[in-house]
Amino acid sequence: MLDVLIKNGTLVDGTGRPMFRADIGIKDGKISQIGKLHDEKGEVEIEADGKMVCPGFIDVNNHSDTFWQIFLEPSLPSLVYQGITTIIGGNCGSSLSPLASAKTIESIQKWVDMRKVSINWLREKEFFKVVESKKLSVNFATLVGHGTLRRGVLKDEARNLSPKENNFIKKLLADSLKEGALGMSTGLIYTHARLAPTEELVDLAKVIEKFGGVYTSHIRGEREELIESIEEVIKIARISKVKAHISHLKVMGKKNWPLMVEALRIIEHAKTQGIDITFDVYPYTNTGSVLYTLLPSWVAEGGKHAMIHRLRDAVIRKKVIREMKKTGVDFGRVEIAISPLNKTLARRKISEIAISQEKTPAEAIIDILIASEGRVITSMEVLSEDNVRLAIAHPLSIISTNGSGYSEKHKESGEVVHPRCFGTFIKVLSQYVQKERIISWEEAIKKMTSMPAEKFNISRRGKLQKGYFADILVIDPDKLESPANKENPYRYSKGIDFMFINGKLSIENGQYNDGRFGQIIGK
């Protein structure tokens, strides 16, 4: 007898091939049979007539680790309700391991309160054991953060690595890859990585390539610097032969929006030249970013304390304001999303705060950064909907949240999280597949399942195939809804009738049962 029999479903198997009707049998956490299973019985039987059956979604750009949520809220319901069964952490240059020194973990202080979690690990395998003890609701894998490696040796210094230091972080990276990390990520817009020369990244990429891992990059610039930033990723991949992936591809600012077509052309050309390159995208036009990235890059050199010290200096402050005005960016439109100061700042635009304090937006930004010790996350409406569509429909794109897992109760914190944390995957299906039809069911599901699994070397997941882990969704296409929005992000997605993670039932009749059946991938 089968553990589970899913009957009469329309299978979208993740490969991109046309959907077909079939039954699926699950036994011992794996897919044991696919076909006409009329003679089989299951301890649990699900009638899936009129429903879509597909693999669980894999979120390659997730921040539930560096936002502490895997520790504070390991059930991660906003991800589960989207159909996400696997997340990859360690993105955008920051990971929670390996820790070369106590200072290393400070690479994530721009996002979270460092005091909320006790750190009792150093190496990758020790970190995996701690995460495993939390019993996550989803499978978890991680990249190694380049900023984490760098900060481990440089601490608060802003300079190039010495040959000895370079060799040390290469060994740290190699050890982590041996212990199960999937690759390395960069966050080249952030303080401790901005000074890293391309040659340093090539050196590290060669280490990644030896282990068959992935080099992912939050590129140096997403405004007028977009093209040269993408070309740097391609150069690194060409020299090192590493598999390359661009995190949350986007172009910010209306005057820069036309660059997206050229960016996609360059990526396509690189692919035709034999470079293994992809990118991920989320289906929203507002971004979530750290407030200090709006400052001239030199202000944050040397870390948070150096930045705050500079901003307190009257002469430097005037220079910063002059340079900010020259950029032409409308800083007043920036909205505060998360701040340690108080709940009253959340949802307020910089322009409103500036007017109430009789200051310019640039002055208000500086004062907010000083008062919050640099830890402010913002929301900005700076992306083009047409570009979002182009990216989602592109054959080299993978769907990701670039967000974190939360419960609806987190609303009480006063933090305004990005709606992508609750809605990404279901929004793609309900809006861009069902409503606008810019991609097919088969293409969309492939971008959420087999493409990320193959790119990031996640074995036996991402397809409905015999012998694969039973991460399976039963979707009711008539119920698909992604109600989370900028005004009210704390709303769970709808349409996942049943979810199995490693063969165990996690969503039943549309309701998450708080099942914590995730496994560590790569350990």
Protein backbone atom coordinates (compact mmCIF):
# COMPACT_ATOMS: atom_id res chain seq x y z
CA MET A 1 0.00 0.00 0.00
CA LEU A 2 1.17 3.51 -0.79
CA ASP A 3 1.54 6.14 1.92
CA VAL A 4 -0.21 8.68 -0.30
CA LEU A 5 -2.10 8.39 -3.59
CA ILE A 6 -2.86 11.59 -5.51
CA LYS A 7 -5.48 10.70 -8.12
CA ASN A 8 -6.59 12.21 -11.44
CA GLY A 9 -4.46 15.33 -11.26
CA THR A 10 -3.14 17.41 -14.15
CA LEU A 11 0.62 17.09 -13.76
CA VAL A 12 2.93 20.01 -14.52
CA ASP A 13 6.08 18.03 -13.82
CA GLY A 14 8.64 20.84 -13.72
CA THR A 15 10.50 19.90 -16.88
CA GLY A 16 8.63 22.30 -19.14
CA ARG A 17 6.97 19.56 -21.16
CA PRO A 18 3.19 19.77 -21.75
CA MET A 19 0.97 19.00 -18.77
CA PHE A 20 -0.71 15.59 -18.63
CA ARG A 21 -3.20 13.66 -16.49
CA ALA A 22 -1.82 11.02 -14.18
CA ASP A 23 -1.81 9.67 -10.62
CA ILE A 24 1.15 9.90 -8.23
CA GLY A 25 2.09 7.46 -5.50
CA ILE A 26 4.24 8.42 -2.51
CA LYS A 27 6.09 5.89 -0.35
CA ASP A 28 8.71 6.53 2.36
CA GLY A 29 9.03 10.21 1.52
CA LYS A 30 9.71 9.64 -2.19
CA ILE A 31 7.71 9.54 -5.41
CA SER A 32 7.30 5.81 -6.01
CA GLN A 33 4.96 5.72 -9.02
CA ILE A 34 3.52 8.00 -11.70
CA GLY A 35 0.86 6.87 -14.17
CA LYS A 36 -2.53 5.20 -14.12
CA LEU A 37 -2.66 3.79 -10.62
CA HIS A 38 -6.30 2.67 -10.52
CA ASP A 39 -5.39 -0.59 -8.80
CA GLU A 40 -3.36 1.09 -6.06
CA LYS A 41 -4.52 2.17 -2.63
CA GLY A 42 -3.06 4.79 -0.31
CA GLU A 43 -3.31 5.34 3.41
CA VAL A 44 -4.08 8.92 2.38
CA GLU A 45 -5.89 9.44 -0.92
CA ILE A 46 -6.39 12.84 -2.51
CA GLU A 47 -8.76 13.48 -5.38
CA ALA A 48 -7.03 16.01 -7.66
CA ASP A 49 -9.43 16.12 -10.59
CA GLY A 50 -9.43 19.67 -11.97
CA LYS A 51 -6.30 20.52 -9.97
CA MET A 52 -2.68 21.13 -10.99
CA VAL A 53 -0.07 18.85 -9.42
CA CYS A 54 3.52 20.08 -9.52
CA PRO A 55 6.82 19.95 -7.63
CA GLY A 56 7.28 22.18 -4.59
CA PHE A 57 8.79 25.57 -5.35
CA ILE A 58 12.47 26.32 -4.73
CA ASP A 59 13.32 29.86 -3.61
CA VAL A 60 16.95 30.49 -4.58
CA ASN A 61 17.11 34.01 -3.11
CA ASN A 62 15.78 33.89 0.42
CA HIS A 63 16.80 35.89 3.49
CA SER A 64 15.05 34.00 6.28
CA ASP A 65 18.49 33.21 7.70
CA THR A 66 20.04 36.68 7.76
CA PHE A 67 16.75 38.19 8.98
CA TRP A 68 16.86 35.66 11.87
CA GLN A 69 13.45 34.20 10.90
CA ILE A 70 14.67 30.59 10.75
CA PHE A 71 15.37 30.99 14.48
CA LEU A 72 12.55 33.29 15.56
CA GLU A 73 9.76 31.80 13.42
CA PRO A 74 10.93 28.45 11.98
CA SER A 75 7.45 27.58 10.69
CA LEU A 76 7.85 30.36 8.06
CA PRO A 77 4.14 30.27 7.11
CA SER A 78 4.26 33.07 4.51
CA LEU A 79 6.60 30.87 2.46
CA VAL A 80 4.62 27.67 2.98
CA TYR A 81 1.37 29.24 1.78
CA GLN A 82 3.15 30.23 -1.45
CA GLY A 83 4.05 26.60 -2.14
CA ILE A 84 7.74 27.02 -1.29
CA THR A 85 9.25 23.75 -0.09
CA THR A 86 12.98 24.64 -0.31
CA ILE A 87 14.84 27.86 0.42
CA ILE A 88 18.45 28.87 -0.22
CA GLY A 89 20.00 31.32 2.25
CA GLY A 90 23.36 33.03 2.40
CA ASN A 91 22.40 35.47 -0.33
CA CYS A 92 23.65 38.93 -1.34
CA GLY A 93 27.06 38.50 0.25
CA SER A 94 25.94 37.67 3.81
CA SER A 95 25.70 34.20 5.33
CA LEU A 96 25.58 32.95 8.90
CA SER A 97 28.66 30.76 8.42
CA PRO A 98 31.59 30.27 8.32
CA LEU A 99 32.57 32.63 11.12
CA ALA A 100 36.28 33.37 11.18
CA SER A 101 35.91 35.77 14.11
CA ALA A 102 33.29 37.26 16.39
CA LYS A 103 33.11 40.31 14.13
CA THR A 104 32.10 38.23 11.15
CA ILE A 105 28.44 37.99 12.07
CA GLU A 106 28.20 41.80 12.03
CA SER A 107 27.85 41.58 8.26
CA ILE A 108 24.10 41.17 8.85
CA GLN A 109 23.66 44.00 11.37
CA LYS A 110 22.32 46.25 8.61
CA TRP A 111 19.19 44.09 8.61
CA VAL A 112 18.60 42.79 12.13
CA ASP A 113 19.06 43.29 15.85
CA MET A 114 22.17 41.25 16.60
CA ARG A 115 21.06 40.56 20.19
CA LYS A 116 18.09 38.36 19.31
CA VAL A 117 19.98 35.13 18.60
CA SER A 118 22.85 33.39 20.41
CA ILE A 119 25.65 32.33 18.06
CA ASN A 120 26.99 28.86 18.94
CA TRP A 121 28.61 27.77 15.72
CA LEU A 122 31.60 28.62 13.54
CA ARG A 123 31.81 26.13 10.69
CA GLU A 124 29.22 25.19 8.11
CA LYS A 125 28.54 21.74 9.54
CA GLU A 126 28.01 23.23 13.03
CA PHE A 127 25.60 25.79 11.61
CA PHE A 128 23.65 23.04 9.83
CA LYS A 129 23.24 21.17 13.12
CA VAL A 130 21.81 24.27 14.81
CA VAL A 131 19.38 24.90 11.93
CA GLU A 132 18.36 21.24 11.91
CA SER A 133 17.50 21.48 15.62
CA LYS A 134 15.03 24.29 14.82
CA LYS A 135 12.95 21.90 12.68
CA LEU A 136 12.09 24.21 9.80
CA SER A 137 8.88 23.88 7.82
CA VAL A 138 10.88 23.88 4.55
CA ASN A 139 14.11 22.37 3.24
CA PHE A 140 17.13 24.62 3.77
CA ALA A 141 20.37 25.11 1.87
CA THR A 142 22.88 27.94 1.95
CA LEU A 143 25.50 29.82 0.02
CA VAL A 144 28.62 31.31 1.59
CA GLY A 145 28.55 35.11 1.75
CA HIS A 146 31.54 36.88 0.23
CA GLY A 147 31.02 39.76 2.67
CA THR A 148 31.02 37.25 5.52
CA LEU A 149 34.34 35.80 4.36
CA ARG A 150 35.86 39.25 3.90
CA ARG A 151 34.66 40.61 7.21
CA GLY A 152 36.05 37.57 8.95
CA VAL A 153 39.58 38.74 8.22
CA LEU A 154 39.25 42.50 7.74
CA LYS A 155 36.75 43.19 10.52
CA ASP A 156 35.97 46.93 10.14
CA GLU A 157 38.86 47.75 7.83
CA ALA A 158 38.12 48.86 4.27
CA ARG A 159 41.00 47.75 2.05
CA ASN A 160 42.21 45.06 -0.33
CA LEU A 161 43.09 41.64 1.01
CA SER A 162 46.73 40.71 1.43
CA PRO A 163 47.89 37.52 -0.36
CA LYS A 164 47.85 35.72 3.01
CA GLU A 165 44.30 36.90 3.77
CA ASN A 166 43.15 35.97 0.29
CA ASN A 167 44.47 32.44 0.74
CA PHE A 168 42.78 32.23 4.13
CA ILE A 169 39.31 33.11 2.82
CA LYS A 170 39.78 30.74 -0.14
CA LYS A 171 40.40 27.94 2.37
CA LEU A 172 37.36 29.00 4.41
CA LEU A 173 35.26 28.91 1.25
CA ALA A 174 36.62 25.52 0.18
CA ASP A 175 35.93 24.05 3.62
CA SER A 176 32.35 25.32 3.55
CA LEU A 177 31.78 23.93 0.06
CA LYS A 178 33.11 20.56 1.26
CA GLU A 179 30.67 20.68 4.17
CA GLY A 180 27.64 21.35 2.00
CA ALA A 181 27.37 25.01 0.95
CA LEU A 182 26.07 25.34 -2.62
CA GLY A 183 28.33 28.19 -3.72
CA MET A 184 29.16 31.78 -2.85
CA SER A 185 27.14 34.99 -3.07
CA THR A 186 28.31 38.57 -3.35
CA GLY A 187 26.70 41.81 -2.21
CA LEU A 188 28.89 44.24 -4.11
CA ILE A 189 26.75 47.25 -3.25
CA TYR A 190 27.44 46.85 0.48
CA THR A 191 30.24 48.46 2.45
CA HIS A 192 32.69 45.60 2.95
CA ALA A 193 32.48 44.28 -0.59
CA ARG A 194 32.55 47.51 -2.59
CA LEU A 195 36.34 47.62 -2.60
CA ALA A 196 36.76 43.99 -3.66
CA PRO A 197 38.50 43.99 -7.06
CA THR A 198 37.27 41.75 -9.86
CA GLU A 199 40.49 39.74 -9.57
CA GLU A 200 39.59 38.76 -6.00
CA LEU A 201 36.19 37.53 -7.14
CA VAL A 202 37.73 35.55 -10.02
CA ASP A 203 40.09 33.89 -7.54
CA LEU A 204 37.19 32.83 -5.34
CA ALA A 205 35.07 31.79 -8.32
CA LYS A 206 37.79 29.34 -9.34
CA VAL A 207 37.44 27.68 -5.93
CA ILE A 208 33.66 27.47 -6.38
CA GLU A 209 34.07 25.94 -9.84
CA LYS A 210 36.28 23.14 -8.48
CA PHE A 211 33.37 22.05 -6.30
CA GLY A 212 30.74 22.49 -9.02
CA GLY A 213 29.10 25.31 -7.06
CA VAL A 214 27.37 28.52 -8.12
CA TYR A 215 28.64 32.10 -8.04
CA THR A 216 25.68 34.42 -7.36
CA SER A 217 25.95 38.19 -7.38
CA HIS A 218 24.06 41.14 -6.03
CA ILE A 219 25.86 43.26 -8.60
CA ARG A 220 27.71 46.53 -7.97
CA GLY A 221 25.00 48.78 -9.36
CA GLU A 222 21.38 48.58 -10.50
CA ARG A 223 21.02 52.10 -11.86
CA GLU A 224 23.20 53.67 -14.58
CA GLU A 225 25.98 51.18 -13.69
CA LEU A 226 23.80 48.18 -14.57
CA ILE A 227 25.48 47.14 -17.83
CA GLU A 228 29.06 47.31 -16.57
CA SER A 229 27.99 45.50 -13.40
CA ILE A 230 26.50 42.63 -15.42
CA GLU A 231 29.57 42.54 -17.64
CA GLU A 232 31.69 42.03 -14.52
CA VAL A 233 29.70 38.90 -13.61
CA ILE A 234 30.13 37.58 -17.14
CA LYS A 235 33.87 38.30 -17.05
CA ILE A 236 34.23 36.41 -13.76
CA ALA A 237 32.31 33.44 -15.19
CA ARG A 238 34.28 33.47 -18.44
CA ILE A 239 37.67 33.41 -16.72
CA SER A 240 36.80 30.98 -13.92
CA LYS A 241 34.33 28.77 -15.86
CA VAL A 242 32.02 28.96 -12.83
CA LYS A 243 28.22 28.74 -13.05
CA ALA A 244 27.00 32.33 -12.64
CA HIS A 245 23.71 33.73 -11.39
CA ILE A 246 22.59 37.36 -10.99
CA SER A 247 20.45 38.03 -7.93
CA HIS A 248 17.17 39.96 -8.31
CA LEU A 249 17.93 41.44 -11.75
CA LYS A 250 16.35 44.89 -11.98
CA VAL A 251 17.07 48.42 -13.09
CA MET A 252 16.20 51.26 -10.72
CA GLY A 253 15.07 54.75 -11.68
CA LYS A 254 12.86 55.74 -14.61
CA LYS A 255 15.68 57.26 -16.65
CA ASN A 256 17.54 53.93 -16.45
CA TRP A 257 14.61 51.63 -17.31
CA PRO A 258 15.58 51.33 -21.01
CA LEU A 259 18.80 49.57 -19.92
CA MET A 260 16.86 46.36 -19.17
CA VAL A 261 16.62 45.40 -22.85
CA GLU A 262 20.38 45.79 -23.27
CA ALA A 263 21.02 43.89 -20.03
CA LEU A 264 18.97 40.93 -21.22
CA ARG A 265 20.70 41.01 -24.61
CA ILE A 266 24.12 40.87 -22.96
CA ILE A 267 23.07 37.95 -20.75
CA GLU A 268 21.64 36.09 -23.76
CA HIS A 269 24.85 36.65 -25.73
CA ALA A 270 26.94 35.32 -22.85
CA LYS A 271 24.77 32.20 -22.82
CA THR A 272 25.37 31.64 -26.54
CA GLN A 273 29.11 31.93 -25.83
CA GLY A 274 28.91 28.94 -23.50
CA ILE A 275 28.66 30.78 -20.18
CA ASP A 276 26.27 29.17 -17.72
CA ILE A 277 24.37 32.25 -16.59
CA THR A 278 20.88 32.84 -15.19
CA PHE A 279 19.15 35.44 -13.02
CA ASP A 280 16.25 35.61 -10.60
CA VAL A 281 13.40 38.09 -10.43
CA TYR A 282 10.47 38.96 -8.16
CA PRO A 283 7.12 40.27 -9.52
CA TYR A 284 6.92 43.70 -7.86
CA THR A 285 7.88 47.24 -8.83
CA ASN A 286 8.92 48.36 -5.35
CA THR A 287 12.27 47.41 -3.88
CA GLY A 288 13.40 46.77 -0.34
CA SER A 289 16.86 48.04 0.45
CA VAL A 290 19.11 49.39 3.18
CA LEU A 291 18.90 53.18 3.64
CA TYR A 292 22.65 53.77 3.78
CA THR A 293 23.06 52.56 0.18
CA LEU A 294 21.57 55.92 -0.88
CA LEU A 295 24.66 57.68 0.44
CA PRO A 296 27.80 58.24 -1.65
CA SER A 297 29.72 54.96 -1.48
CA TRP A 298 32.76 56.43 0.32
CA VAL A 299 30.68 57.40 3.36
CA ALA A 300 30.23 53.80 4.52
CA GLU A 301 33.82 52.69 3.99
CA GLY A 302 35.20 51.11 7.13
CA GLY A 303 31.84 49.94 8.45
CA LYS A 304 28.89 51.23 10.40
CA HIS A 305 30.79 53.02 13.16
CA ALA A 306 33.01 54.86 10.68
CA MET A 307 29.93 55.85 8.67
CA ILE A 308 28.10 57.25 11.73
CA HIS A 309 31.25 59.09 12.81
CA ARG A 310 31.51 60.76 9.38
CA LEU A 311 27.84 61.72 9.31
CA ARG A 312 28.19 63.46 12.68
CA ASP A 313 31.00 65.64 11.31
CA ALA A 314 29.52 68.96 10.12
CA VAL A 315 31.97 69.43 7.26
CA ILE A 316 31.59 65.88 5.94
CA ARG A 317 27.82 66.12 6.36
CA LYS A 318 27.69 69.12 4.00
CA LYS A 319 29.80 67.28 1.44
CA VAL A 320 27.50 64.23 1.62
CA ILE A 321 24.41 66.40 1.10
CA ARG A 322 26.01 68.13 -1.92
CA GLU A 323 26.85 64.79 -3.53
CA MET A 324 23.39 63.36 -2.85
CA LYS A 325 21.74 66.34 -4.56
CA LYS A 326 23.89 65.84 -7.68
CA THR A 327 22.58 62.28 -8.20
CA GLY A 328 19.15 63.49 -9.30
CA VAL A 329 17.46 60.80 -7.18
CA ASP A 330 14.16 61.84 -5.61
CA PHE A 331 15.06 60.79 -2.06
CA GLY A 332 11.79 62.19 -0.77
CA ARG A 333 9.87 59.26 -2.33
CA VAL A 334 11.78 56.73 -0.25
CA GLU A 335 9.56 55.14 2.41
CA ILE A 336 10.72 53.74 5.77
CA ALA A 337 9.77 50.06 6.11
CA ILE A 338 11.71 48.79 9.12
CA SER A 339 13.49 50.90 11.73
CA PRO A 340 14.62 50.30 15.32
CA LEU A 341 13.63 53.84 16.29
CA ASN A 342 9.88 53.48 16.74
CA LYS A 343 6.78 52.25 14.94
CA THR A 344 5.71 55.78 14.01
CA LEU A 345 8.39 55.98 11.31
CA ALA A 346 7.09 52.90 9.48
CA ARG A 347 5.23 53.73 6.24
CA ARG A 348 6.37 57.36 6.35
CA LYS A 349 8.06 58.86 3.33
CA ILE A 350 11.35 60.67 3.77
CA SER A 351 9.66 63.76 2.30
CA GLU A 352 7.05 63.74 5.11
CA ILE A 353 9.69 63.32 7.79
CA ALA A 354 11.80 66.09 6.22
CA ILE A 355 8.87 68.54 6.10
CA SER A 356 7.89 67.82 9.71
CA GLN A 357 11.47 68.50 10.81
CA GLU A 358 11.97 71.44 8.43
CA LYS A 359 14.88 69.72 6.69
CA THR A 360 15.76 68.60 3.19
CA PRO A 361 15.27 64.89 2.37
CA ALA A 362 19.06 64.39 2.32
CA GLU A 363 19.38 65.93 5.79
CA ALA A 364 16.53 63.77 7.08
CA ILE A 365 18.18 60.61 5.73
CA ILE A 366 21.44 61.45 7.50
CA ASP A 367 19.69 62.16 10.80
CA ILE A 368 17.66 58.95 10.61
CA LEU A 369 20.82 56.92 9.93
CA ILE A 370 22.59 58.49 12.90
CA ALA A 371 19.66 57.93 15.25
CA SER A 372 19.16 54.32 14.12
CA GLU A 373 22.89 53.48 14.00
CA GLY A 374 22.51 52.74 10.31
CA ARG A 375 19.88 50.00 10.57
CA VAL A 376 16.94 51.18 8.45
CA ILE A 377 15.27 49.26 5.62
CA THR A 378 13.36 51.20 3.01
CA SER A 379 10.81 50.64 0.29
CA MET A 380 11.09 52.48 -3.02
CA GLU A 381 8.74 52.45 -6.02
CA VAL A 382 11.50 52.62 -8.64
CA LEU A 383 11.01 49.69 -11.02
CA SER A 384 9.18 49.36 -14.34
CA GLU A 385 6.26 46.95 -14.66
CA ASP A 386 7.20 46.35 -18.30
CA ASN A 387 10.70 45.35 -17.22
CA VAL A 388 9.27 42.99 -14.60
CA ARG A 389 7.25 41.31 -17.36
CA LEU A 390 10.30 41.09 -19.64
CA ALA A 391 12.34 39.46 -16.89
CA ILE A 392 9.67 36.98 -15.83
CA ALA A 393 9.06 35.86 -19.42
CA HIS A 394 12.75 35.54 -20.27
CA PRO A 395 13.97 31.94 -20.72
CA LEU A 396 16.95 32.48 -18.40
CA SER A 397 14.96 33.79 -15.42
CA ILE A 398 14.19 31.97 -12.19
CA ILE A 399 11.44 33.14 -9.83
CA SER A 400 12.52 34.07 -6.30
CA THR A 401 11.17 36.09 -3.38
CA ASN A 402 14.32 37.95 -2.29
CA GLY A 403 12.33 37.97 0.95
CA SER A 404 11.90 36.15 4.22
CA GLY A 405 9.32 33.99 5.94
CA TYR A 406 6.90 35.56 8.43
CA SER A 407 3.57 34.92 10.09
CA GLU A 408 0.64 37.31 9.87
CA LYS A 409 1.20 38.04 13.57
CA HIS A 410 4.49 39.75 12.72
CA LYS A 411 2.34 42.71 11.71
CA GLU A 412 2.16 43.59 15.43
CA SER A 413 5.89 44.44 15.36
CA GLY A 414 5.11 47.55 13.32
CA GLU A 415 7.58 46.49 10.63
CA VAL A 416 6.37 46.84 7.04
CA VAL A 417 7.80 43.85 5.23
CA HIS A 418 7.84 43.58 1.45
CA PRO A 419 4.74 41.85 -0.02
CA ARG A 420 7.10 39.46 -1.87
CA CYS A 421 7.56 37.69 1.48
CA PHE A 422 3.93 36.58 1.30
CA GLY A 423 2.98 36.64 -2.36
CA THR A 424 5.75 36.13 -4.93
CA PHE A 425 5.17 32.66 -6.37
CA ILE A 426 1.38 32.76 -6.34
CA LYS A 427 1.39 36.27 -7.85
CA VAL A 428 3.41 34.98 -10.81
CA LEU A 429 0.89 32.19 -11.37
CA SER A 430 -2.27 34.22 -10.82
CA GLN A 431 -1.21 37.40 -12.67
CA TYR A 432 1.37 36.52 -15.29
CA VAL A 433 0.20 32.99 -16.12
CA GLN A 434 -3.56 33.09 -15.64
CA LYS A 435 -4.48 36.74 -16.17
CA GLU A 436 -1.88 38.21 -18.55
CA ARG A 437 -0.71 34.91 -20.13
CA ILE A 438 2.80 36.16 -20.75
CA ILE A 439 4.13 32.69 -19.88
CA SER A 440 2.53 29.25 -19.76
CA TRP A 441 1.91 27.08 -16.72
CA GLU A 442 4.69 24.76 -17.86
CA GLU A 443 7.23 27.58 -18.26
CA ALA A 444 6.35 29.22 -14.94
CA ILE A 445 6.53 25.98 -12.96
CA LYS A 446 9.87 25.13 -14.57
CA LYS A 447 11.25 28.51 -13.43
CA MET A 448 10.14 27.66 -9.88
CA THR A 449 11.28 24.03 -9.73
CA SER A 450 13.67 22.20 -12.08
CA MET A 451 15.58 25.28 -13.24
CA PRO A 452 16.65 26.30 -9.72
CA ALA A 453 17.27 22.68 -8.70
CA GLU A 454 19.57 22.06 -11.66
CA LYS A 455 21.35 25.41 -11.40
CA PHE A 456 22.10 25.03 -7.70
CA ASN A 457 22.83 21.28 -7.80
CA ILE A 458 19.89 20.27 -5.61
CA SER A 459 19.53 16.60 -6.41
CA ARG A 460 16.26 14.68 -6.65
CA ARG A 461 14.05 17.73 -6.20
CA GLY A 462 12.35 20.08 -8.64
CA LYS A 463 10.60 17.45 -10.80
CA LEU A 464 7.76 14.98 -10.52
CA GLN A 465 9.88 11.94 -11.21
CA LYS A 466 10.11 8.46 -9.75
CA GLY A 467 12.70 8.30 -6.97
CA TYR A 468 12.61 12.05 -6.30
CA PHE A 469 11.75 13.46 -2.87
CA ALA A 470 8.02 13.95 -2.53
CA ASP A 471 7.91 17.75 -2.38
CA ILE A 472 4.57 18.08 -4.13
CA LEU A 473 1.84 20.70 -4.49
CA VAL A 474 -1.80 20.24 -5.41
CA ILE A 475 -3.00 23.62 -6.69
CA ASP A 476 -6.56 24.73 -7.30
CA PRO A 477 -6.22 27.17 -10.23
CA ASP A 478 -9.65 28.64 -9.47
CA LYS A 479 -8.57 29.69 -5.98
CA LEU A 480 -5.18 31.20 -6.76
CA GLU A 481 -4.86 34.57 -5.08
CA SER A 482 -1.94 36.70 -3.89
CA PRO A 483 -3.59 39.38 -1.72
CA ALA A 484 -0.40 40.75 -0.12
CA ASN A 485 0.37 44.27 -1.30
CA LYS A 486 2.45 47.27 -0.25
CA GLU A 487 -0.37 48.68 1.90
CA ASN A 488 -1.08 45.35 3.63
CA PRO A 489 1.73 42.83 3.09
CA TYR A 490 0.64 40.51 5.91
CA ARG A 491 -1.81 38.37 3.94
CA TYR A 492 -1.20 34.73 3.09
CA SER A 493 -1.44 33.52 -0.49
CA LYS A 494 -4.23 31.15 -1.46
CA GLY A 495 -4.65 28.29 -3.90
CA ILE A 496 -2.38 25.57 -2.50
CA ASP A 497 -4.88 22.88 -1.54
CA PHE A 498 -2.32 20.29 -0.45
CA MET A 499 1.42 20.43 0.12
CA PHE A 500 3.78 17.55 0.80
CA ILE A 501 7.32 18.12 2.04
CA ASN A 502 9.46 15.01 2.00
CA GLY A 503 6.26 12.97 1.70
CA LYS A 504 4.56 14.48 4.74
CA LEU A 505 1.38 16.52 4.55
CA SER A 506 2.01 20.17 5.40
CA ILE A 507 -1.03 21.92 3.89
CA GLU A 508 -4.35 20.11 3.94
CA ASN A 509 -7.46 21.57 2.32
CA GLY A 510 -5.76 24.95 2.07
CA GLN A 511 -4.66 25.15 5.72
CA TYR A 512 -1.09 24.88 6.98
CA ASN A 513 -0.92 22.33 9.80
CA ASP A 514 2.34 23.71 11.29
CA GLY A 515 4.19 20.64 10.03
CA ARG A 516 7.96 21.04 10.36
CA PHE A 517 9.22 18.49 7.85
CA GLY A 518 12.10 20.34 6.19
CA GLN A 519 15.53 18.80 5.74
CA ILE A 520 19.01 20.31 5.45
CA ILE A 521 20.27 20.10 1.88
CA GLY A 522 23.99 19.68 1.35
CA LYS A 523 25.11 18.62 4.83
